[in-house]
N, C-alpha and C. Protein backbone atom coordinates (compact mmCIF):
# COMPACT_ATOMS: atom_id res chain seq x y z
N MET A 1 169.35 165.77 -18.28
CA MET A 1 169.11 164.72 -19.37
C MET A 1 167.55 165.10 -18.96
N GLU A 2 167.08 165.28 -20.54
CA GLU A 2 165.63 165.23 -21.00
C GLU A 2 164.74 164.05 -20.38
N LYS A 3 163.39 164.54 -19.84
CA LYS A 3 162.56 164.00 -19.53
C LYS A 3 162.36 162.71 -20.67
N ARG A 4 162.01 161.53 -19.86
CA ARG A 4 160.66 160.50 -21.27
C ARG A 4 160.34 159.99 -20.35
N ASN A 5 159.06 159.64 -21.10
CA ASN A 5 158.09 158.42 -20.46
C ASN A 5 158.46 156.96 -20.07
N HIS A 6 158.86 156.51 -19.25
CA HIS A 6 159.16 154.97 -19.39
C HIS A 6 158.18 154.48 -19.20
N LYS A 7 156.98 154.71 -18.96
CA LYS A 7 155.72 153.52 -19.18
C LYS A 7 155.80 152.94 -20.31
N ILE A 8 155.90 151.61 -19.87
CA ILE A 8 155.33 150.38 -21.24
C ILE A 8 153.95 149.62 -20.91
N SER A 9 153.11 149.06 -21.46
CA SER A 9 152.35 148.11 -21.08
C SER A 9 152.75 147.06 -20.54
N LEU A 10 151.59 146.54 -20.01
CA LEU A 10 152.43 145.13 -19.38
C LEU A 10 152.39 143.82 -20.74
N GLN A 11 152.12 143.69 -21.95
CA GLN A 11 152.27 142.95 -22.95
C GLN A 11 153.49 144.06 -23.35
N GLN A 12 154.05 144.96 -23.13
CA GLN A 12 154.98 145.35 -24.01
C GLN A 12 156.07 144.51 -23.83
N LYS A 13 156.00 144.92 -21.94
CA LYS A 13 157.12 144.33 -21.57
C LYS A 13 157.34 142.80 -20.88
N LYS A 14 156.04 142.03 -21.48
CA LYS A 14 156.45 140.73 -22.48
C LYS A 14 157.48 140.47 -23.59
N GLU A 15 156.56 140.81 -24.12
CA GLU A 15 157.44 140.92 -25.63
C GLU A 15 158.86 141.31 -25.31
N PHE A 16 159.68 142.43 -24.85
CA PHE A 16 160.87 142.94 -24.26
C PHE A 16 161.33 141.40 -23.72
N ALA A 17 160.64 140.98 -22.92
CA ALA A 17 161.56 139.72 -21.62
C ALA A 17 161.30 139.02 -22.49
N SER A 18 160.59 138.36 -23.49
CA SER A 18 160.48 137.17 -24.47
C SER A 18 161.65 137.38 -25.30
N GLU A 19 161.91 138.41 -26.91
CA GLU A 19 162.77 138.63 -26.72
C GLU A 19 164.26 138.20 -26.33
N PHE A 20 164.11 138.70 -24.97
CA PHE A 20 165.60 138.78 -24.44
C PHE A 20 166.00 137.29 -24.31
N LYS A 21 164.88 136.81 -23.62
CA LYS A 21 165.11 134.83 -23.19
C LYS A 21 165.66 134.29 -24.13
N THR A 22 165.21 134.70 -25.35
CA THR A 22 165.54 133.56 -26.70
C THR A 22 166.92 133.66 -27.36
N LYS A 23 166.88 134.85 -26.54
CA LYS A 23 168.47 135.35 -27.50
C LYS A 23 169.57 135.27 -26.39
N ARG A 24 169.78 134.70 -24.75
CA ARG A 24 170.52 134.62 -23.89
C ARG A 24 169.85 133.22 -22.71
N THR A 25 171.19 132.90 -22.87
CA THR A 25 171.29 131.73 -21.79
C THR A 25 171.61 132.04 -20.23
N PHE A 26 170.68 131.65 -19.15
CA PHE A 26 170.18 132.89 -17.85
C PHE A 26 170.34 131.33 -17.15
N SER A 27 171.75 131.51 -15.77
CA SER A 27 171.83 130.76 -14.67
C SER A 27 171.82 131.37 -13.36
N GLU A 28 172.56 131.17 -12.21
CA GLU A 28 172.72 131.62 -10.96
C GLU A 28 173.76 132.60 -10.71
N GLU A 29 174.80 131.92 -11.87
CA GLU A 29 176.12 133.28 -12.39
C GLU A 29 175.41 134.69 -13.48
N MET A 30 174.06 134.28 -14.07
CA MET A 30 173.83 135.06 -15.21
C MET A 30 172.48 135.07 -14.81
N PRO A 31 171.75 135.90 -14.01
CA PRO A 31 169.85 135.55 -13.90
C PRO A 31 169.26 136.79 -15.11
N PHE A 32 168.24 135.72 -15.04
CA PHE A 32 167.25 137.19 -16.26
C PHE A 32 166.14 137.51 -15.20
N MET A 33 166.53 138.04 -13.81
CA MET A 33 165.41 139.11 -13.49
C MET A 33 165.97 138.90 -11.72
N PHE A 34 165.58 140.42 -11.48
CA PHE A 34 165.82 140.37 -9.84
C PHE A 34 164.88 141.01 -9.71
N ARG A 35 164.58 140.46 -7.78
CA ARG A 35 163.46 140.87 -6.63
C ARG A 35 163.67 141.89 -6.19
N PHE A 36 162.98 143.05 -6.00
CA PHE A 36 163.41 143.92 -4.26
C PHE A 36 161.94 144.31 -3.57
N ASP A 37 162.27 143.67 -2.76
CA ASP A 37 161.03 144.02 -1.10
C ASP A 37 160.04 145.42 -2.29
N ASN A 38 159.06 145.49 -2.08
CA ASN A 38 157.68 146.64 -2.60
C ASN A 38 158.02 147.91 -1.16
N GLU A 39 158.40 147.66 -0.48
CA GLU A 39 158.21 148.52 0.76
C GLU A 39 160.10 148.87 1.21
N GLN A 40 160.94 148.02 0.87
CA GLN A 40 162.17 148.66 0.72
C GLN A 40 162.41 149.86 -0.35
N VAL A 41 161.57 149.14 -2.07
CA VAL A 41 161.76 150.44 -2.81
C VAL A 41 161.04 151.78 -2.52
N LYS A 42 160.66 151.58 -2.43
CA LYS A 42 159.23 152.39 -1.61
C LYS A 42 160.14 153.42 -0.66
N GLU A 43 160.42 152.88 0.15
CA GLU A 43 161.44 153.88 1.22
C GLU A 43 162.73 154.70 0.59
N LEU A 44 163.71 153.53 -0.17
CA LEU A 44 164.43 154.35 -1.59
C LEU A 44 163.90 155.59 -2.18
N VAL A 45 162.57 154.93 -3.02
CA VAL A 45 162.35 156.00 -3.86
C VAL A 45 161.42 157.35 -3.94
N GLU A 46 161.38 157.96 -1.90
CA GLU A 46 161.25 158.44 -1.43
C GLU A 46 161.80 159.02 -0.38
N LEU A 47 162.70 159.07 -0.76
CA LEU A 47 163.50 159.74 0.52
C LEU A 47 163.85 161.28 -0.39
N GLU A 48 164.08 162.18 0.17
CA GLU A 48 164.13 163.93 0.37
C GLU A 48 165.08 164.09 -0.51
N GLY A 49 164.48 164.52 -1.59
CA GLY A 49 165.77 165.05 -3.05
C GLY A 49 166.10 164.02 -3.74
N ALA A 50 165.20 163.25 -3.50
CA ALA A 50 165.27 162.05 -4.99
C ALA A 50 164.52 162.29 -6.23
N VAL A 51 165.58 162.49 -7.33
CA VAL A 51 164.79 162.88 -8.56
C VAL A 51 164.81 161.94 -9.43
N GLU A 52 165.88 161.12 -9.23
CA GLU A 52 166.10 160.10 -9.76
C GLU A 52 166.84 158.66 -9.59
N PHE A 53 166.37 157.29 -10.36
CA PHE A 53 166.06 156.61 -9.46
C PHE A 53 166.98 155.82 -11.07
N ARG A 54 168.41 155.01 -9.89
CA ARG A 54 169.23 153.99 -10.62
C ARG A 54 170.10 152.79 -10.36
N ILE A 55 169.90 152.06 -11.80
CA ILE A 55 170.22 150.75 -11.18
C ILE A 55 171.59 150.43 -12.16
N THR A 56 172.83 149.99 -10.96
CA THR A 56 173.62 149.65 -11.28
C THR A 56 174.46 148.12 -11.13
N LYS A 57 174.80 147.46 -12.34
CA LYS A 57 174.85 145.65 -12.56
C LYS A 57 176.41 145.48 -11.47
N GLY A 58 176.70 144.08 -11.03
CA GLY A 58 177.67 144.32 -10.92
C GLY A 58 178.18 142.66 -10.63
N LEU A 59 178.97 142.73 -9.71
CA LEU A 59 179.59 141.21 -9.69
C LEU A 59 179.81 141.04 -8.22
N GLU A 60 179.33 139.98 -7.77
CA GLU A 60 179.31 139.54 -6.10
C GLU A 60 179.68 137.91 -6.16
N LYS A 61 181.40 138.55 -5.65
CA LYS A 61 181.17 136.70 -5.94
C LYS A 61 181.16 135.47 -7.18
N GLY A 62 181.48 136.92 -8.07
CA GLY A 62 181.53 135.35 -9.64
C GLY A 62 179.89 136.10 -10.56
N LYS A 63 179.20 136.08 -9.46
CA LYS A 63 177.90 135.83 -9.67
C LYS A 63 176.84 137.86 -10.38
N GLU A 64 176.56 137.95 -11.52
CA GLU A 64 175.77 139.17 -11.55
C GLU A 64 174.62 139.54 -10.32
N ASN A 65 174.46 141.07 -10.17
CA ASN A 65 173.12 141.57 -9.30
C ASN A 65 173.20 142.88 -9.09
N VAL A 66 172.27 143.16 -8.78
CA VAL A 66 172.22 144.91 -9.31
C VAL A 66 172.00 145.47 -7.72
N CYS A 67 172.18 147.02 -8.32
CA CYS A 67 172.19 147.75 -7.33
C CYS A 67 171.49 148.62 -7.01
N LEU A 68 170.42 148.89 -6.02
CA LEU A 68 168.98 149.97 -6.81
C LEU A 68 169.67 151.15 -5.70
N THR A 69 169.68 152.55 -6.47
CA THR A 69 170.23 154.09 -5.83
C THR A 69 169.31 154.72 -6.27
N VAL A 70 169.60 155.96 -5.46
CA VAL A 70 168.21 157.27 -6.53
C VAL A 70 169.02 158.05 -5.71
N VAL A 71 169.68 159.22 -6.88
CA VAL A 71 170.27 160.31 -6.74
C VAL A 71 169.14 162.26 -6.62
N ASP A 72 170.29 162.75 -6.05
CA ASP A 72 169.93 164.37 -5.95
C ASP A 72 169.68 164.45 -7.42
N ASP A 73 169.20 166.43 -7.40
CA ASP A 73 169.20 167.12 -8.94
C ASP A 73 171.24 167.39 -9.08
N LYS A 74 171.93 166.93 -8.05
CA LYS A 74 172.71 167.22 -8.64
C LYS A 74 173.51 165.66 -9.19
N GLY A 75 172.27 164.59 -9.44
CA GLY A 75 173.60 163.91 -9.67
C GLY A 75 174.49 162.88 -8.29
N GLU A 76 174.35 163.21 -6.95
CA GLU A 76 175.16 162.84 -6.28
C GLU A 76 174.11 161.03 -5.36
N ASP A 77 174.21 160.18 -5.15
CA ASP A 77 173.92 159.48 -4.15
C ASP A 77 173.48 159.59 -2.88
N LEU A 78 172.12 159.27 -2.85
CA LEU A 78 171.93 160.28 -1.63
C LEU A 78 171.62 158.42 -0.47
N GLU A 79 171.80 158.94 0.71
CA GLU A 79 171.14 158.00 1.69
C GLU A 79 171.92 156.35 2.13
N PHE A 80 171.72 155.84 0.85
CA PHE A 80 171.20 154.60 1.30
C PHE A 80 170.72 153.85 -0.35
N ALA A 81 171.64 152.58 -0.16
CA ALA A 81 171.44 151.82 -1.49
C ALA A 81 170.22 150.27 -1.19
N LEU A 82 169.97 149.82 -2.31
CA LEU A 82 169.65 148.57 -1.91
C LEU A 82 170.05 147.55 -3.01
N GLU A 83 170.72 146.49 -2.00
CA GLU A 83 171.52 145.28 -3.02
C GLU A 83 171.29 143.56 -2.62
N MET A 84 171.50 142.48 -2.54
CA MET A 84 172.01 142.12 -2.71
C MET A 84 169.97 141.44 -3.09
N SER A 85 169.85 141.37 -3.98
CA SER A 85 168.78 141.26 -4.66
C SER A 85 167.97 139.73 -4.47
N GLU A 86 166.87 139.19 -5.06
CA GLU A 86 166.96 137.83 -4.88
C GLU A 86 166.35 137.22 -6.39
N PRO A 87 168.17 136.91 -7.50
CA PRO A 87 168.19 136.23 -8.25
C PRO A 87 167.29 135.29 -9.06
N CYS A 88 166.51 135.68 -10.20
CA CYS A 88 166.17 134.45 -10.68
C CYS A 88 166.84 134.21 -12.11
N PRO A 89 167.04 133.17 -12.23
CA PRO A 89 167.23 131.85 -11.57
C PRO A 89 168.37 131.47 -10.61
N PRO A 90 167.94 131.26 -9.12
CA PRO A 90 167.07 130.13 -9.09
C PRO A 90 165.64 130.67 -8.42
N ASP A 91 165.77 131.75 -7.84
CA ASP A 91 164.44 132.41 -7.01
C ASP A 91 163.16 132.68 -8.11
N CYS A 92 162.84 132.01 -8.66
CA CYS A 92 161.92 132.56 -9.93
C CYS A 92 160.35 132.80 -8.86
N PRO A 93 159.65 133.56 -9.67
CA PRO A 93 158.64 133.59 -8.90
C PRO A 93 157.50 132.37 -10.34
């Protein structure tokens, strides 16, 4: 996979999210945002051999959620993943 710069400005992020919000209806079953603890994410991405960060969507008891993983240069998942994010709604900052 060709490397791409994924960085955007906070203004671009706000515009990106705003447009998405206008086209969807959100609920506990279909949240707008997912939050994770910074220290746990840091531990995940600093695993030895990690070259890529992946976000996988899934359903748990009918509610959308995401799982975070890192993989090595062969595309293999490393050690552990983070799941059970704090969805918004209902837990919105």
